[in-house]
Amino acid sequence: MIHIVFDSNNVTALQKAIELDETLVGEIVEIKDDFAVGPLENIYETEGYQIRKDWWAGLLEFSPYQDQINQVDDKLAVHQLLRTLEENPEEIVWIWMGQNAHDVCGYYWLMTQLKDLQGRIQVLYLNNLPFINEKGSIFYPSFLHEIQPKEFLKAKKLARPITLSEFEVDPDEWKKTCTENAMVRFLEGGKKIVGKEISFFDTDILFNITGEQQKLSRILSNTLNRMKVKTGDVFIVARIREFAASGRIEVTGDWQKNWKDISIKLTGAVAPSTTEE
């Protein structure tokens, strides 16, 4: 059995679940790119792939992850997966995805390349399904890593083969999404992906920037905790840098010294004085 997930946090969560259930034992493969943002046109061609890689390189500049651009090779991961399946005819694949655009876009990108293996590819989609959290309350997770390890034992019952019909229809849907080439993709429901403007998350980000100077790390933490529809910290910082370039915010610190050196406030805003008269 080979498990496929779309986030490093999901890798950790699944590893903990495997420790509780030996029937889940198998290799875990992580697809690392976030296909919910960025250019997708001709993504399977060399030119389109390079455009996307260059786009990510620009976003990762000055970030704590800037060395990762040369470490992420999902094309190689798929190549190795296909080779493993060819050499082991009894091997099966479980694709795990939560109800979020990151996972669903990753699913579309991946399954389009596995259509010749229909019958051996199973999907576990936690689409609007209730689980029990650590406090014993029912909740509806958007991400796999929100689920307790013991709850994965219930989740595994959701595994089902990707149907022949899905292998015919889903790649067409993904092709439309790639051709549209919106810079942000939103999960409207089920597996329906809708393209949005690159400014889609701006309101959420700006809500957490005030007239008082704040460290970038604090703004990131507040934004990620409060936003209902999630995106990655690298994309958020890329938007913040755009705000600075357009004069909407004031930035102090040196980007060359990494994110930790950066502080931000709204342009023209004056922080309340703390000096006693």
Protein backbone atom coordinates (compact mmCIF):
# COMPACT_ATOMS: atom_id res chain seq x y z
CA MET A 1 0.00 0.00 0.00
CA ILE A 2 1.22 3.48 -0.89
CA HIS A 3 -0.38 6.50 0.78
CA ILE A 4 -0.35 9.90 -0.92
CA VAL A 5 -0.95 13.15 0.96
CA PHE A 6 -0.48 16.79 0.06
CA ASP A 7 1.06 18.36 3.17
CA SER A 8 3.88 17.55 5.58
CA ASN A 9 1.49 17.90 8.54
CA ASN A 10 -0.64 15.18 6.97
CA VAL A 11 2.40 12.93 6.71
CA THR A 12 2.92 13.23 10.47
CA ALA A 13 -0.76 12.61 11.23
CA LEU A 14 -0.89 9.53 9.04
CA GLN A 15 2.31 8.13 10.55
CA LYS A 16 0.70 8.34 14.00
CA ALA A 17 -2.40 6.56 12.69
CA ILE A 18 -0.29 3.79 11.17
CA GLU A 19 1.23 3.17 14.60
CA LEU A 20 -2.29 2.31 15.80
CA ASP A 21 -3.33 0.13 12.86
CA GLU A 22 -0.92 -2.21 11.11
CA THR A 23 -3.35 -2.65 8.20
CA LEU A 24 -2.43 0.89 7.16
CA VAL A 25 1.31 0.17 7.02
CA GLY A 26 2.82 1.43 3.79
CA GLU A 27 5.00 4.08 2.18
CA ILE A 28 3.81 7.68 2.49
CA VAL A 29 4.43 9.94 -0.49
CA GLU A 30 3.96 13.70 -0.13
CA ILE A 31 3.06 15.87 -3.13
CA LYS A 32 4.62 19.13 -1.99
CA ASP A 33 3.47 21.79 -4.44
CA ASP A 34 0.39 23.86 -3.59
CA PHE A 35 -1.56 23.79 -6.85
CA ALA A 36 -4.30 25.96 -5.30
CA VAL A 37 -2.22 29.05 -6.13
CA GLY A 38 -0.01 30.17 -8.98
CA PRO A 39 0.18 29.61 -12.74
CA LEU A 40 -0.98 26.28 -14.18
CA GLU A 41 -1.13 26.78 -17.92
CA ASN A 42 0.70 23.95 -19.73
CA ILE A 43 1.74 22.60 -16.35
CA TYR A 44 2.63 19.18 -17.80
CA GLU A 45 4.88 20.70 -20.46
CA THR A 46 8.47 21.83 -19.87
CA GLU A 47 7.70 25.51 -20.50
CA GLY A 48 4.66 25.62 -18.23
CA TYR A 49 6.46 23.71 -15.50
CA GLN A 50 9.39 26.16 -15.65
CA ILE A 51 7.07 29.18 -15.47
CA ARG A 52 5.53 27.77 -12.33
CA LYS A 53 8.91 26.93 -10.83
CA ASP A 54 10.15 30.49 -11.53
CA TRP A 55 6.99 31.93 -9.96
CA TRP A 56 7.59 29.95 -6.76
CA ALA A 57 11.25 30.98 -6.76
CA GLY A 58 10.16 34.63 -6.68
CA LEU A 59 7.80 34.01 -3.77
CA LEU A 60 10.33 31.99 -1.80
CA GLU A 61 13.00 34.68 -2.05
CA PHE A 62 13.99 35.96 1.42
CA SER A 63 11.72 33.34 3.06
CA PRO A 64 12.85 30.66 5.54
CA TYR A 65 12.12 28.14 2.78
CA GLN A 66 14.07 29.63 -0.11
CA ASP A 67 16.28 26.56 -0.41
CA GLN A 68 13.24 24.35 -1.03
CA ILE A 69 12.71 25.40 -4.65
CA ASN A 70 15.34 22.85 -5.68
CA GLN A 71 14.11 20.21 -3.25
CA VAL A 72 10.51 20.01 -4.44
CA ASP A 73 10.28 17.63 -7.38
CA ASP A 74 6.76 16.25 -7.61
CA LYS A 75 7.38 15.15 -11.19
CA LEU A 76 10.10 12.85 -9.91
CA ALA A 77 7.81 11.59 -7.13
CA VAL A 78 5.18 10.62 -9.73
CA HIS A 79 7.82 9.01 -11.95
CA GLN A 80 9.02 6.87 -9.05
CA LEU A 81 5.44 6.03 -8.09
CA LEU A 82 4.63 4.82 -11.60
CA ARG A 83 7.78 2.74 -11.70
CA THR A 84 6.94 1.14 -8.35
CA LEU A 85 3.42 0.29 -9.53
CA GLU A 86 4.76 -1.18 -12.75
CA GLU A 87 7.25 -3.36 -10.90
CA ASN A 88 4.70 -4.43 -8.28
CA PRO A 89 1.38 -5.32 -9.98
CA GLU A 90 -0.32 -6.05 -6.63
CA GLU A 91 0.53 -2.65 -5.15
CA ILE A 92 -2.34 -0.19 -4.60
CA VAL A 93 -2.44 3.55 -3.92
CA TRP A 94 -4.58 5.45 -1.42
CA ILE A 95 -4.94 9.17 -2.11
CA TRP A 96 -5.97 11.06 1.05
CA MET A 97 -7.54 14.50 0.76
CA GLY A 98 -9.36 16.90 3.02
CA GLN A 99 -12.05 19.33 2.00
CA ASN A 100 -9.78 22.15 0.88
CA ALA A 101 -8.52 23.54 -2.42
CA HIS A 102 -4.91 22.55 -1.70
CA ASP A 103 -5.70 18.83 -1.46
CA VAL A 104 -8.33 18.75 -4.21
CA CYS A 105 -6.09 20.55 -6.70
CA GLY A 106 -3.26 18.19 -5.78
CA TYR A 107 -5.61 15.26 -6.39
CA TYR A 108 -6.55 16.58 -9.83
CA TRP A 109 -2.91 17.18 -10.77
CA LEU A 110 -1.94 13.69 -9.67
CA MET A 111 -4.84 11.49 -10.79
CA THR A 112 -4.69 12.87 -14.32
CA GLN A 113 -1.33 11.09 -14.58
CA LEU A 114 -2.63 7.77 -13.19
CA LYS A 115 -5.51 7.06 -15.57
CA ASP A 116 -3.86 3.89 -16.91
CA LEU A 117 -4.00 2.40 -13.41
CA GLN A 118 -7.75 2.50 -12.89
CA GLY A 119 -8.74 -0.10 -10.32
CA ARG A 120 -5.53 0.25 -8.32
CA ILE A 121 -6.01 3.88 -7.24
CA GLN A 122 -8.29 4.56 -4.30
CA VAL A 123 -9.34 7.89 -2.88
CA LEU A 124 -10.31 8.85 0.67
CA TYR A 125 -12.07 12.22 0.55
CA LEU A 126 -13.17 13.67 3.87
CA ASN A 127 -15.92 15.66 2.21
CA ASN A 128 -18.25 17.19 4.81
CA LEU A 129 -17.88 14.25 7.19
CA PRO A 130 -18.05 14.51 10.99
CA PHE A 131 -15.26 13.41 13.31
CA ILE A 132 -14.60 13.60 17.06
CA ASN A 133 -12.04 16.13 18.26
CA GLU A 134 -9.80 15.91 21.34
CA LYS A 135 -12.56 17.43 23.51
CA GLY A 136 -15.06 14.80 22.44
CA SER A 137 -17.09 17.17 20.28
CA ILE A 138 -18.20 16.59 16.71
CA PHE A 139 -16.48 18.75 14.09
CA TYR A 140 -16.02 18.81 10.32
CA PRO A 141 -12.32 18.88 9.47
CA SER A 142 -11.01 20.73 6.44
CA PHE A 143 -7.53 19.19 6.74
CA LEU A 144 -6.37 15.65 7.48
CA HIS A 145 -4.02 16.75 10.25
CA GLU A 146 -6.98 18.10 12.24
CA ILE A 147 -8.13 14.52 12.81
CA GLN A 148 -6.98 12.54 15.83
CA PRO A 149 -4.84 9.51 14.93
CA LYS A 150 -7.45 7.09 16.30
CA GLU A 151 -10.09 8.73 14.10
CA PHE A 152 -8.10 7.73 11.02
CA LEU A 153 -9.24 4.20 11.77
CA LYS A 154 -12.74 5.37 10.93
CA ALA A 155 -11.54 7.42 8.00
CA LYS A 156 -9.94 4.41 6.32
CA LYS A 157 -13.41 2.97 5.73
CA LEU A 158 -13.97 5.78 3.22
CA ALA A 159 -11.46 4.30 0.77
CA ARG A 160 -13.00 3.61 -2.63
CA PRO A 161 -11.61 3.14 -6.12
CA ILE A 162 -11.53 6.14 -8.42
CA THR A 163 -14.14 5.16 -11.00
CA LEU A 164 -13.64 4.91 -14.73
CA SER A 165 -16.10 7.78 -15.09
CA GLU A 166 -14.02 9.97 -12.77
CA PHE A 167 -10.89 9.14 -14.75
CA GLU A 168 -12.71 10.44 -17.81
CA VAL A 169 -14.39 13.53 -16.30
CA ASP A 170 -11.94 14.81 -13.67
CA PRO A 171 -8.99 15.33 -16.06
CA ASP A 172 -11.27 17.45 -18.26
CA GLU A 173 -12.24 19.58 -15.26
CA TRP A 174 -8.60 19.99 -14.35
CA LYS A 175 -7.71 20.92 -17.94
CA LYS A 176 -10.32 23.71 -17.80
CA THR A 177 -8.83 24.94 -14.53
CA CYS A 178 -5.32 24.94 -15.98
CA THR A 179 -6.46 26.73 -19.14
CA GLU A 180 -8.26 29.37 -17.08
CA ASN A 181 -4.95 29.89 -15.25
CA ALA A 182 -6.37 31.92 -12.37
CA MET A 183 -3.79 32.71 -9.69
CA VAL A 184 -5.96 31.47 -6.81
CA ARG A 185 -8.30 28.49 -6.76
CA PHE A 186 -11.25 28.12 -4.38
CA LEU A 187 -13.11 24.94 -3.45
CA GLU A 188 -16.78 25.73 -3.94
CA GLY A 189 -18.01 22.33 -2.79
CA GLY A 190 -17.48 18.67 -3.58
CA LYS A 191 -14.59 18.72 -6.04
CA LYS A 192 -15.66 21.92 -7.80
CA ILE A 193 -12.72 24.30 -8.15
CA VAL A 194 -13.36 27.95 -9.04
CA GLY A 195 -10.70 30.43 -10.16
CA LYS A 196 -10.25 33.65 -8.18
CA GLU A 197 -8.16 36.81 -8.53
CA ILE A 198 -4.72 36.93 -6.95
CA SER A 199 -6.17 39.46 -4.48
CA PHE A 200 -8.65 36.88 -3.12
CA PHE A 201 -7.03 36.74 0.35
CA ASP A 202 -6.16 40.44 0.62
CA THR A 203 -9.06 41.36 2.90
CA ASP A 204 -8.08 38.65 5.39
CA ILE A 205 -4.48 39.81 5.38
CA LEU A 206 -5.16 43.54 5.66
CA PHE A 207 -7.59 42.93 8.53
CA ASN A 208 -4.59 41.91 10.63
CA ILE A 209 -2.37 44.87 9.68
CA THR A 210 -2.96 47.91 11.87
CA GLY A 211 -1.55 51.37 12.47
CA GLU A 212 0.71 49.90 15.11
CA GLN A 213 4.03 48.40 14.06
CA GLN A 214 3.86 44.60 14.24
CA LYS A 215 6.33 41.85 13.53
CA LEU A 216 5.62 39.94 10.34
CA SER A 217 5.50 36.70 12.33
CA ARG A 218 2.61 38.04 14.42
CA ILE A 219 0.66 39.16 11.36
CA LEU A 220 1.17 35.76 9.77
CA SER A 221 0.05 33.93 12.89
CA ASN A 222 -3.08 36.06 13.32
CA THR A 223 -4.00 35.83 9.65
CA LEU A 224 -3.57 32.07 9.42
CA ASN A 225 -5.54 31.50 12.63
CA ARG A 226 -8.43 33.78 11.68
CA MET A 227 -8.96 33.19 7.98
CA LYS A 228 -11.73 30.72 7.19
CA VAL A 229 -10.27 29.71 3.84
CA LYS A 230 -6.60 28.92 4.28
CA THR A 231 -3.56 29.53 2.13
CA GLY A 232 0.16 29.21 2.81
CA ASP A 233 2.39 31.67 4.66
CA VAL A 234 4.62 32.12 1.60
CA PHE A 235 1.69 33.29 -0.52
CA ILE A 236 0.53 35.65 2.26
CA VAL A 237 3.98 37.23 2.50
CA ALA A 238 4.06 37.63 -1.28
CA ARG A 239 0.83 39.65 -1.06
CA ILE A 240 2.28 41.71 1.82
CA ARG A 241 5.30 42.54 -0.33
CA GLU A 242 2.88 43.66 -3.06
CA PHE A 243 1.10 45.90 -0.53
CA ALA A 244 4.46 47.46 0.31
CA ALA A 245 5.35 47.97 -3.36
CA SER A 246 2.05 49.76 -3.96
CA GLY A 247 2.43 51.94 -0.86
CA ARG A 248 -0.46 50.48 1.12
CA ILE A 249 1.76 49.49 4.03
CA GLU A 250 5.06 50.60 5.54
CA VAL A 251 7.78 48.03 6.09
CA THR A 252 10.82 48.37 8.33
CA GLY A 253 13.65 45.89 8.41
CA ASP A 254 15.73 44.13 5.81
CA TRP A 255 14.15 41.36 3.71
CA GLN A 256 17.66 40.04 3.13
CA LYS A 257 17.81 39.16 6.82
CA ASN A 258 14.77 36.90 6.51
CA TRP A 259 11.19 37.40 7.71
CA LYS A 260 12.20 37.77 11.37
CA ASP A 261 13.64 41.24 10.72
CA ILE A 262 10.44 42.64 9.18
CA SER A 263 7.87 44.85 10.91
CA ILE A 264 4.77 46.30 9.24
CA LYS A 265 2.07 48.91 9.73
CA LEU A 266 -0.53 50.64 7.58
CA THR A 267 0.78 53.55 5.54
CA GLY A 268 0.19 56.93 7.15
CA ALA A 269 -1.20 55.44 10.34
CA VAL A 270 0.14 56.71 13.64
CA ALA A 271 0.39 54.25 16.47
CA PRO A 272 -1.22 55.35 19.79
CA SER A 273 1.24 57.10 22.05
CA THR A 274 2.17 55.25 25.23
CA THR A 275 3.94 58.26 26.79
CA GLU A 276 2.29 59.60 29.89
CA GLU A 277 1.86 63.34 30.01
